[in-house]
Structures are given as C-alpha cells and as structure tokens.
Amino acid sequence: MTTSKPMMILIAGPYRSGTGDDPEKMAANLAILERASLPIFERGHVPMIGEWAALPIWRQAGGTHVGDEAYERIMHPTAHRLLQHCDGVLRLEGASTGADNDVRIARERGIPVYFAVDDIPRA
C-alpha cells in the first residue's frame, strides 16, 4: 500500500510512564521513541515526537523538574496541538496514559493509528 504524499506521523509511546520521573529512564524511553523515527522516514514520511517540540518550550517557560506547573501546562497540550497537523499516529508498546490519549484524539479526528511501522503505507 502507498500514499500519494508524505505524511507526518506522531510517534506515541511511554515517555514519563513507569519512570518515577527518573531523568535517565525518561531519556531511555525517548531513545525508544526515536528508534522508530528512521524507519518512518525511510518509508517516505516525516516522523514527529511530541517531546521534540515540547521539551524546548518547557525549558523556555522556566520548567525545572518533571511534573512542575510548566511541565503540566506544556507537555501533553503540545502533542494534542501536533495532532492537528499529523496524518497518522504510530503507537508503540508500553503503558502510557499520554500515548493512549493521543490515540483516542487521533481516532476522534479520523487520523489513522498504526501499531507497527510496517503497517504505515509508503509514500
């Protein structure tokens, strides 16, 4: 299956979940999300991870620790705004309330949700 144009695909999966807010565990989760980016790119699409956009905004807002006011105000809303521009969501394995919410919003908006990179059509 192919698509006529490149899609922006939001990669959704655990970032904070299950880490106890340990920065090293969160970085490891981000690395897992990022591993999906190259295969998506090689299928002809633009991969996107909400944290790529949200973390610099959070730091500019004076965020100092996970779960602070700026974190709560910026992290999940950024992903929701990104979904207004995404053509698909890749949901990676693992418990994540935020990723589950991304899937729910995507489905409400009629955005396809994929559970494996191989399910994403090539551009």
N, C-alpha and C. Protein backbone atom coordinates (compact mmCIF):
# COMPACT_ATOMS: atom_id res chain seq x y z
N MET A 1 0.84 -1.17 0.00
CA MET A 1 0.00 0.00 0.00
C MET A 1 0.89 1.25 0.00
N THR A 2 0.49 2.25 -0.77
CA THR A 2 1.23 3.51 -0.80
C THR A 2 0.27 4.67 -0.65
N THR A 3 0.83 5.82 -0.31
CA THR A 3 0.06 7.05 -0.20
C THR A 3 0.66 8.06 -1.17
N SER A 4 -0.13 9.01 -1.60
CA SER A 4 0.33 9.92 -2.65
C SER A 4 1.28 10.99 -2.14
N LYS A 5 1.29 11.25 -0.85
CA LYS A 5 2.18 12.28 -0.33
C LYS A 5 2.75 11.85 1.01
N PRO A 6 3.89 12.42 1.38
CA PRO A 6 4.45 12.10 2.70
C PRO A 6 3.49 12.53 3.81
N MET A 7 3.44 11.73 4.84
CA MET A 7 2.61 12.03 6.00
C MET A 7 3.50 12.45 7.16
N MET A 8 2.94 13.25 8.07
CA MET A 8 3.60 13.48 9.34
C MET A 8 3.01 12.47 10.32
N ILE A 9 3.88 11.65 10.89
CA ILE A 9 3.46 10.57 11.78
C ILE A 9 3.93 10.87 13.19
N LEU A 10 2.98 11.01 14.12
CA LEU A 10 3.31 11.19 15.53
C LEU A 10 3.64 9.84 16.14
N ILE A 11 4.81 9.74 16.74
CA ILE A 11 5.22 8.52 17.43
C ILE A 11 4.79 8.66 18.89
N ALA A 12 3.91 7.77 19.33
CA ALA A 12 3.35 7.85 20.68
C ALA A 12 3.70 6.58 21.44
N GLY A 13 4.19 6.77 22.64
CA GLY A 13 4.55 5.64 23.49
C GLY A 13 4.98 6.16 24.84
N PRO A 14 5.44 5.28 25.71
CA PRO A 14 5.84 5.71 27.04
C PRO A 14 7.01 6.70 27.00
N TYR A 15 6.87 7.77 27.73
CA TYR A 15 7.97 8.72 27.96
C TYR A 15 8.18 8.84 29.47
N ARG A 16 7.20 9.37 30.15
CA ARG A 16 7.29 9.54 31.61
C ARG A 16 6.80 8.30 32.36
N SER A 17 5.83 7.62 31.77
CA SER A 17 5.19 6.47 32.44
C SER A 17 6.20 5.43 32.89
N GLY A 18 6.03 4.99 34.12
CA GLY A 18 6.85 3.91 34.66
C GLY A 18 8.27 4.31 35.02
N THR A 19 8.59 5.60 34.99
CA THR A 19 9.96 6.02 35.26
C THR A 19 10.17 6.54 36.68
N GLY A 20 9.09 6.84 37.39
CA GLY A 20 9.24 7.50 38.67
C GLY A 20 9.90 8.86 38.52
N ASP A 21 9.76 9.42 37.32
CA ASP A 21 10.35 10.72 36.96
C ASP A 21 11.87 10.72 36.99
N ASP A 22 12.48 9.55 36.87
CA ASP A 22 13.94 9.43 36.80
C ASP A 22 14.39 9.91 35.41
N PRO A 23 15.21 10.95 35.35
CA PRO A 23 15.63 11.51 34.05
C PRO A 23 16.32 10.49 33.14
N GLU A 24 17.09 9.57 33.71
CA GLU A 24 17.77 8.56 32.88
C GLU A 24 16.76 7.61 32.26
N LYS A 25 15.75 7.20 33.02
CA LYS A 25 14.73 6.31 32.49
C LYS A 25 13.89 7.03 31.43
N MET A 26 13.62 8.30 31.65
CA MET A 26 12.87 9.08 30.66
C MET A 26 13.68 9.23 29.38
N ALA A 27 14.98 9.46 29.51
CA ALA A 27 15.85 9.55 28.33
C ALA A 27 15.88 8.22 27.58
N ALA A 28 15.87 7.11 28.32
CA ALA A 28 15.84 5.79 27.68
C ALA A 28 14.53 5.59 26.93
N ASN A 29 13.42 6.04 27.51
CA ASN A 29 12.14 5.94 26.82
C ASN A 29 12.12 6.81 25.56
N LEU A 30 12.70 8.01 25.64
CA LEU A 30 12.76 8.87 24.46
C LEU A 30 13.59 8.21 23.37
N ALA A 31 14.68 7.55 23.75
CA ALA A 31 15.50 6.85 22.77
C ALA A 31 14.70 5.74 22.07
N ILE A 32 13.84 5.06 22.80
CA ILE A 32 12.97 4.03 22.18
C ILE A 32 12.03 4.68 21.18
N LEU A 33 11.42 5.80 21.56
CA LEU A 33 10.54 6.51 20.62
C LEU A 33 11.33 6.93 19.37
N GLU A 34 12.54 7.43 19.58
CA GLU A 34 13.34 7.92 18.47
C GLU A 34 13.79 6.80 17.53
N ARG A 35 13.92 5.58 18.04
CA ARG A 35 14.31 4.46 17.17
C ARG A 35 13.30 4.23 16.05
N ALA A 36 12.06 4.61 16.28
CA ALA A 36 11.03 4.45 15.24
C ALA A 36 11.12 5.54 14.18
N SER A 37 11.88 6.60 14.44
CA SER A 37 11.88 7.74 13.51
C SER A 37 12.53 7.41 12.17
N LEU A 38 13.66 6.74 12.16
CA LEU A 38 14.33 6.45 10.89
C LEU A 38 13.50 5.52 10.00
N PRO A 39 12.94 4.44 10.51
CA PRO A 39 12.10 3.60 9.64
C PRO A 39 10.91 4.36 9.05
N ILE A 40 10.33 5.28 9.81
CA ILE A 40 9.23 6.09 9.28
C ILE A 40 9.75 7.00 8.18
N PHE A 41 10.88 7.62 8.41
CA PHE A 41 11.49 8.48 7.40
C PHE A 41 11.80 7.69 6.13
N GLU A 42 12.32 6.49 6.30
CA GLU A 42 12.67 5.65 5.15
C GLU A 42 11.44 5.18 4.38
N ARG A 43 10.28 5.23 4.98
CA ARG A 43 9.03 4.91 4.28
C ARG A 43 8.51 6.14 3.53
N GLY A 44 9.25 7.27 3.63
CA GLY A 44 8.89 8.46 2.88
C GLY A 44 8.13 9.51 3.67
N HIS A 45 8.10 9.39 4.99
CA HIS A 45 7.30 10.27 5.81
C HIS A 45 8.16 11.11 6.76
N VAL A 46 7.50 12.01 7.48
CA VAL A 46 8.17 12.85 8.48
C VAL A 46 7.75 12.35 9.86
N PRO A 47 8.70 11.80 10.62
CA PRO A 47 8.37 11.37 11.98
C PRO A 47 8.34 12.56 12.91
N MET A 48 7.49 12.49 13.93
CA MET A 48 7.39 13.54 14.93
C MET A 48 7.17 12.90 16.29
N ILE A 49 7.85 13.44 17.28
CA ILE A 49 7.66 13.02 18.67
C ILE A 49 7.29 14.27 19.45
N GLY A 50 6.24 14.21 20.22
CA GLY A 50 5.77 15.38 20.94
C GLY A 50 6.83 16.01 21.82
N GLU A 51 7.67 15.18 22.42
CA GLU A 51 8.71 15.72 23.30
C GLU A 51 9.74 16.54 22.53
N TRP A 52 9.95 16.22 21.25
CA TRP A 52 10.88 17.02 20.45
C TRP A 52 10.42 18.48 20.40
N ALA A 53 9.14 18.68 20.34
CA ALA A 53 8.59 20.04 20.30
C ALA A 53 8.40 20.60 21.70
N ALA A 54 7.93 19.78 22.63
CA ALA A 54 7.53 20.28 23.94
C ALA A 54 8.69 20.59 24.88
N LEU A 55 9.74 19.79 24.86
CA LEU A 55 10.82 20.00 25.83
C LEU A 55 11.49 21.37 25.71
N PRO A 56 11.81 21.86 24.51
CA PRO A 56 12.39 23.21 24.45
C PRO A 56 11.42 24.29 24.92
N ILE A 57 10.13 24.12 24.64
CA ILE A 57 9.14 25.09 25.09
C ILE A 57 9.08 25.08 26.61
N TRP A 58 9.06 23.89 27.20
CA TRP A 58 9.04 23.74 28.65
C TRP A 58 10.24 24.43 29.29
N ARG A 59 11.44 24.22 28.72
CA ARG A 59 12.62 24.87 29.27
C ARG A 59 12.52 26.39 29.16
N GLN A 60 12.00 26.89 28.04
CA GLN A 60 11.84 28.33 27.86
C GLN A 60 10.82 28.91 28.84
N ALA A 61 9.87 28.07 29.25
CA ALA A 61 8.85 28.51 30.20
C ALA A 61 9.36 28.47 31.64
N GLY A 62 10.62 28.10 31.82
CA GLY A 62 11.19 28.06 33.17
C GLY A 62 11.01 26.73 33.86
N GLY A 63 10.64 25.71 33.12
CA GLY A 63 10.48 24.39 33.72
C GLY A 63 11.79 23.92 34.33
N THR A 64 11.68 23.35 35.52
CA THR A 64 12.88 22.91 36.22
C THR A 64 12.86 21.43 36.58
N HIS A 65 11.67 20.86 36.72
CA HIS A 65 11.59 19.44 37.05
C HIS A 65 10.29 18.85 36.49
N VAL A 66 10.37 17.59 36.20
CA VAL A 66 9.23 16.88 35.64
C VAL A 66 8.05 16.99 36.59
N GLY A 67 6.91 17.36 36.03
CA GLY A 67 5.70 17.47 36.83
C GLY A 67 5.45 18.86 37.39
N ASP A 68 6.38 19.78 37.15
CA ASP A 68 6.14 21.14 37.64
C ASP A 68 5.01 21.79 36.85
N GLU A 69 4.62 22.98 37.25
CA GLU A 69 3.48 23.66 36.61
C GLU A 69 3.69 23.82 35.11
N ALA A 70 4.89 24.23 34.72
CA ALA A 70 5.16 24.42 33.29
C ALA A 70 5.07 23.10 32.53
N TYR A 71 5.55 22.03 33.14
CA TYR A 71 5.50 20.70 32.52
C TYR A 71 4.05 20.31 32.24
N GLU A 72 3.23 20.44 33.24
CA GLU A 72 1.82 20.06 33.09
C GLU A 72 1.10 20.95 32.08
N ARG A 73 1.49 22.19 31.98
CA ARG A 73 0.85 23.15 31.09
C ARG A 73 1.29 22.96 29.63
N ILE A 74 2.46 22.36 29.42
CA ILE A 74 3.05 22.33 28.08
C ILE A 74 3.13 20.94 27.45
N MET A 75 3.51 19.94 28.19
CA MET A 75 3.86 18.65 27.56
C MET A 75 2.70 18.00 26.79
N HIS A 76 1.63 17.66 27.43
CA HIS A 76 0.53 16.98 26.73
C HIS A 76 -0.18 17.90 25.76
N PRO A 77 -0.42 19.17 26.11
CA PRO A 77 -1.07 20.05 25.13
C PRO A 77 -0.27 20.19 23.82
N THR A 78 1.05 20.11 23.91
CA THR A 78 1.85 20.19 22.68
C THR A 78 1.54 19.02 21.76
N ALA A 79 1.47 17.83 22.31
CA ALA A 79 1.13 16.66 21.49
C ALA A 79 -0.26 16.81 20.89
N HIS A 80 -1.19 17.33 21.66
CA HIS A 80 -2.55 17.49 21.15
C HIS A 80 -2.58 18.50 20.01
N ARG A 81 -1.81 19.56 20.12
CA ARG A 81 -1.73 20.54 19.03
C ARG A 81 -1.05 19.93 17.81
N LEU A 82 -0.02 19.14 18.04
CA LEU A 82 0.66 18.48 16.92
C LEU A 82 -0.31 17.57 16.15
N LEU A 83 -1.21 16.93 16.88
CA LEU A 83 -2.16 16.03 16.24
C LEU A 83 -3.05 16.76 15.22
N GLN A 84 -3.17 18.06 15.34
CA GLN A 84 -3.94 18.82 14.36
C GLN A 84 -3.21 18.89 13.02
N HIS A 85 -1.92 18.56 13.03
CA HIS A 85 -1.11 18.63 11.82
C HIS A 85 -0.63 17.25 11.35
N CYS A 86 -0.90 16.22 12.13
CA CYS A 86 -0.41 14.88 11.81
C CYS A 86 -1.41 14.12 10.95
N ASP A 87 -0.84 13.25 10.14
CA ASP A 87 -1.64 12.43 9.24
C ASP A 87 -1.76 10.99 9.73
N GLY A 88 -1.05 10.68 10.81
CA GLY A 88 -1.09 9.35 11.37
C GLY A 88 -0.38 9.32 12.70
N VAL A 89 -0.65 8.26 13.46
CA VAL A 89 -0.01 8.04 14.76
C VAL A 89 0.53 6.62 14.77
N LEU A 90 1.78 6.48 15.18
CA LEU A 90 2.35 5.17 15.44
C LEU A 90 2.36 4.98 16.95
N ARG A 91 1.58 4.02 17.44
CA ARG A 91 1.51 3.74 18.89
C ARG A 91 2.45 2.60 19.20
N LEU A 92 3.52 2.92 19.93
CA LEU A 92 4.47 1.90 20.35
C LEU A 92 3.95 1.20 21.60
N GLU A 93 4.50 0.03 21.86
CA GLU A 93 4.09 -0.76 23.02
C GLU A 93 4.47 -0.07 24.32
N GLY A 94 3.73 -0.40 25.35
CA GLY A 94 4.04 0.07 26.69
C GLY A 94 2.93 0.93 27.26
N ALA A 95 2.78 0.83 28.55
CA ALA A 95 1.73 1.59 29.25
C ALA A 95 2.06 3.07 29.20
N SER A 96 1.09 3.87 28.77
CA SER A 96 1.27 5.32 28.70
C SER A 96 -0.09 5.97 28.58
N THR A 97 -0.49 6.68 29.62
CA THR A 97 -1.75 7.40 29.58
C THR A 97 -1.73 8.47 28.49
N GLY A 98 -0.60 9.17 28.35
CA GLY A 98 -0.48 10.21 27.34
C GLY A 98 -0.60 9.65 25.93
N ALA A 99 0.09 8.54 25.66
CA ALA A 99 0.02 7.92 24.34
C ALA A 99 -1.38 7.38 24.06
N ASP A 100 -2.01 6.80 25.08
CA ASP A 100 -3.38 6.32 24.91
C ASP A 100 -4.31 7.49 24.59
N ASN A 101 -4.08 8.63 25.21
CA ASN A 101 -4.88 9.81 24.93
C ASN A 101 -4.63 10.31 23.50
N ASP A 102 -3.38 10.25 23.05
CA ASP A 102 -3.08 10.62 21.66
C ASP A 102 -3.85 9.74 20.69
N VAL A 103 -3.90 8.46 20.97
CA VAL A 103 -4.65 7.52 20.12
C VAL A 103 -6.13 7.86 20.13
N ARG A 104 -6.66 8.15 21.31
CA ARG A 104 -8.09 8.49 21.41
C ARG A 104 -8.40 9.74 20.57
N ILE A 105 -7.57 10.76 20.72
CA ILE A 105 -7.78 12.00 19.96
C ILE A 105 -7.65 11.75 18.47
N ALA A 106 -6.65 10.98 18.08
CA ALA A 106 -6.46 10.67 16.66
C ALA A 106 -7.70 9.98 16.10
N ARG A 107 -8.20 9.00 16.81
CA ARG A 107 -9.38 8.28 16.32
C ARG A 107 -10.60 9.19 16.24
N GLU A 108 -10.75 10.08 17.23
CA GLU A 108 -11.86 11.04 17.19
C GLU A 108 -11.77 11.94 15.95
N ARG A 109 -10.56 12.24 15.54
CA ARG A 109 -10.33 13.13 14.39
C ARG A 109 -10.22 12.37 13.07
N GLY A 110 -10.35 11.06 13.12
CA GLY A 110 -10.27 10.27 11.90
C GLY A 110 -8.86 10.08 11.39
N ILE A 111 -7.87 10.26 12.26
CA ILE A 111 -6.47 10.08 11.89
C ILE A 111 -6.12 8.60 12.08
N PRO A 112 -5.50 7.97 11.09
CA PRO A 112 -5.16 6.55 11.23
C PRO A 112 -4.15 6.32 12.35
N VAL A 113 -4.33 5.20 13.04
CA VAL A 113 -3.42 4.78 14.10
C VAL A 113 -2.80 3.46 13.67
N TYR A 114 -1.47 3.42 13.71
CA TYR A 114 -0.72 2.23 13.33
C TYR A 114 -0.04 1.67 14.57
N PHE A 115 0.16 0.35 14.58
CA PHE A 115 0.80 -0.29 15.72
C PHE A 115 2.12 -0.95 15.35
N ALA A 116 2.50 -0.81 14.09
CA ALA A 116 3.80 -1.30 13.60
C ALA A 116 4.21 -0.42 12.42
N VAL A 117 5.49 -0.16 12.32
CA VAL A 117 5.99 0.67 11.22
C VAL A 117 5.60 0.06 9.88
N ASP A 118 5.64 -1.26 9.77
CA ASP A 118 5.32 -1.92 8.50
C ASP A 118 3.86 -1.71 8.09
N ASP A 119 3.01 -1.30 9.02
CA ASP A 119 1.61 -1.02 8.68
C ASP A 119 1.42 0.35 8.06
N ILE A 120 2.44 1.21 8.18
CA ILE A 120 2.34 2.57 7.62
C ILE A 120 2.60 2.47 6.12
N PRO A 121 1.68 2.99 5.30
CA PRO A 121 1.90 2.91 3.85
C PRO A 121 3.12 3.73 3.44
N ARG A 122 3.78 3.29 2.41
CA ARG A 122 4.92 4.03 1.87
C ARG A 122 4.42 5.23 1.07
N ALA A 123 5.22 6.30 1.09
CA ALA A 123 4.88 7.47 0.27
C ALA A 123 5.45 7.26 -1.12
